[in-house]
């Protein structure tokens, strides 16, 4: 087995390790900026939510109103369709 490539391999590994160790240290100091309390931006005031508009029920009728109307309208009609159970 030849060991002629061993010194070159060791040099490459040591150089690579040194390069990897140097990159984060130099890059971390360049991007760091300290922010003091006087330099912090002011907080935005919270905006109040707009009130919901009232819901319009339109011409909808309640169950009791519908029953009264059907009793009134179905008098004397055949007991079928909408009038089923309300005709007399």
Protein backbone atom coordinates (compact mmCIF):
# COMPACT_ATOMS: atom_id res chain seq x y z
CA UNK A 1 0.00 0.00 0.00
CA UNK A 2 1.39 3.38 -1.00
CA UNK A 3 1.43 6.24 1.48
CA UNK A 4 2.58 8.94 -0.95
CA UNK A 5 -0.74 10.75 -0.82
CA UNK A 6 -0.90 10.82 2.97
CA UNK A 7 1.06 14.09 3.48
CA UNK A 8 -0.97 15.90 0.82
CA UNK A 9 -4.22 14.63 2.36
CA UNK A 10 -3.17 15.80 5.83
CA UNK A 11 -2.26 19.25 4.54
CA UNK A 12 -5.65 19.57 2.81
CA UNK A 13 -7.55 18.45 5.91
CA UNK A 14 -5.67 20.87 8.18
CA UNK A 15 -6.12 23.77 5.74
CA UNK A 16 -9.82 23.01 5.36
CA UNK A 17 -10.36 22.85 9.11
CA UNK A 18 -8.54 26.16 9.57
CA UNK A 19 -10.60 27.78 6.81
CA UNK A 20 -13.91 26.54 8.31
CA UNK A 21 -12.94 27.78 11.76
CA UNK A 22 -12.03 31.25 10.46
CA UNK A 23 -15.16 31.92 8.36
CA UNK A 24 -17.84 32.09 11.12
CA UNK A 25 -15.66 34.22 13.39
CA UNK A 26 -15.07 36.91 10.78
CA UNK A 27 -18.62 36.82 9.42
CA UNK A 28 -20.31 37.08 12.81
CA UNK A 29 -18.57 40.30 13.81
CA UNK A 30 -19.36 42.08 10.54
CA UNK A 31 -23.14 41.66 10.77
CA UNK A 32 -23.61 42.46 14.47
CA UNK A 33 -25.00 45.87 15.40
CA UNK A 34 -25.95 46.80 18.92
CA UNK A 35 -29.30 48.53 19.43
CA UNK A 36 -29.75 50.69 22.49
CA UNK A 37 -33.06 51.57 24.09
CA UNK A 38 -32.95 55.06 22.57
CA UNK A 39 -32.59 53.67 19.04
CA UNK A 40 -35.48 51.19 19.20
CA UNK A 41 -38.46 52.09 17.03
CA UNK A 42 -41.62 53.16 18.84
CA UNK A 43 -44.47 50.65 19.04
CA UNK A 44 -47.50 51.28 16.87
CA UNK A 45 -50.74 51.94 18.76
CA UNK A 46 -53.31 49.20 18.37
CA UNK A 47 -56.16 50.08 16.08
CA UNK A 48 -59.69 49.53 17.33
CA UNK A 49 -61.74 47.04 15.36
CA UNK A 50 -64.64 48.41 13.40
CA UNK A 51 -68.03 47.46 14.87
CA UNK A 52 -70.01 44.90 12.92
CA UNK A 53 -73.06 46.29 11.17
CA UNK A 54 -76.38 45.01 12.51
CA UNK A 55 -77.70 41.99 10.65
CA UNK A 56 -80.95 42.52 8.80
CA UNK A 57 -83.38 39.65 9.18
CA UNK A 58 -85.31 40.96 6.23
CA UNK A 59 -88.87 39.72 5.83
CA UNK A 60 -88.22 36.40 7.58
CA UNK A 61 -90.93 35.38 9.99
CA UNK A 62 -90.63 33.42 13.19
CA UNK A 63 -92.09 29.91 13.54
CA UNK A 64 -95.08 31.13 15.55
CA UNK A 65 -95.81 33.88 13.01
CA UNK A 66 -95.68 31.34 10.17
CA UNK A 67 -98.04 28.95 11.99
CA UNK A 68 -100.58 31.75 12.59
CA UNK A 69 -100.39 32.85 8.93
CA UNK A 70 -100.87 29.32 7.61
CA UNK A 71 -103.88 28.73 9.87
CA UNK A 72 -105.41 31.96 8.62
CA UNK A 73 -104.63 31.35 4.91
CA UNK A 74 -105.45 27.65 4.74
CA UNK A 75 -109.03 27.82 6.08
CA UNK A 76 -111.35 26.00 3.74
CA UNK A 77 -108.62 24.69 1.45
CA UNK A 78 -107.68 21.08 0.79
CA UNK A 79 -105.29 19.57 3.30
CA UNK A 80 -102.32 19.22 0.91
CA UNK A 81 -99.03 20.94 0.12
CA UNK A 82 -98.16 23.83 2.39
CA UNK A 83 -101.57 23.69 4.04
CA UNK A 84 -101.11 20.08 5.21
CA UNK A 85 -101.94 20.05 8.90
CA UNK A 86 -103.27 23.62 8.91
CA UNK A 87 -106.49 23.26 6.91
CA UNK A 88 -109.70 22.69 8.83
